């Protein structure tokens, strides 16, 4: 799937649907969880070490 197709699909979703999808990805994939942990808390001790 291209970025343009993904963007089109994401733009068609309601905010609640996007939140559900992100939470599902967060629970399923360690890499997504790590990304959001760094994104939301970039100055944590884990990132410094």
Protein backbone atom coordinates (compact mmCIF):
# COMPACT_ATOMS: atom_id res chain seq x y z
CA UNK A 1 0.00 0.00 0.00
CA UNK A 2 1.31 3.44 -0.86
CA UNK A 3 1.54 6.32 1.60
CA UNK A 4 -1.11 8.16 -0.43
CA UNK A 5 -3.53 5.24 -0.16
CA UNK A 6 -2.88 4.91 3.56
CA UNK A 7 -3.39 8.64 4.06
CA UNK A 8 -6.68 8.50 2.14
CA UNK A 9 -7.88 5.61 4.30
CA UNK A 10 -6.83 7.29 7.57
CA UNK A 11 -8.52 10.55 6.60
CA UNK A 12 -11.76 8.66 6.07
CA UNK A 13 -11.80 7.39 9.68
CA UNK A 14 -13.37 9.14 12.65
CA UNK A 15 -11.11 10.21 15.51
CA UNK A 16 -12.43 7.39 17.71
CA UNK A 17 -11.55 4.83 15.04
CA UNK A 18 -8.00 6.20 14.76
CA UNK A 19 -7.57 6.01 18.52
CA UNK A 20 -8.79 2.40 18.51
CA UNK A 21 -6.34 1.46 15.76
CA UNK A 22 -3.39 3.10 17.50
CA UNK A 23 -4.24 1.39 20.79
CA UNK A 24 -4.51 -1.94 18.98
CA UNK A 25 -1.10 -1.44 17.34
CA UNK A 26 0.36 -0.33 20.68
CA UNK A 27 -0.80 -3.56 22.29
CA UNK A 28 0.29 -5.84 19.44
CA UNK A 29 3.71 -4.53 18.43
CA UNK A 30 6.65 -3.82 20.71
CA UNK A 31 8.15 -1.38 18.18
CA UNK A 32 4.97 0.73 18.18
CA UNK A 33 4.94 0.77 21.99
CA UNK A 34 8.60 1.80 22.07
CA UNK A 35 7.96 4.55 19.51
CA UNK A 36 5.11 6.05 21.53
CA UNK A 37 7.02 5.77 24.79
CA UNK A 38 9.91 7.75 23.25
CA UNK A 39 7.55 10.17 21.49
CA UNK A 40 5.53 10.91 24.62
CA UNK A 41 8.44 10.85 27.09
CA UNK A 42 11.62 11.76 25.19
CA UNK A 43 13.59 12.71 28.29
CA UNK A 44 13.08 9.51 30.25
CA UNK A 45 16.04 7.85 31.93
CA UNK A 46 15.71 4.87 29.58
CA UNK A 47 16.41 7.10 26.55
CA UNK A 48 19.42 8.77 28.19
CA UNK A 49 21.22 5.53 29.04
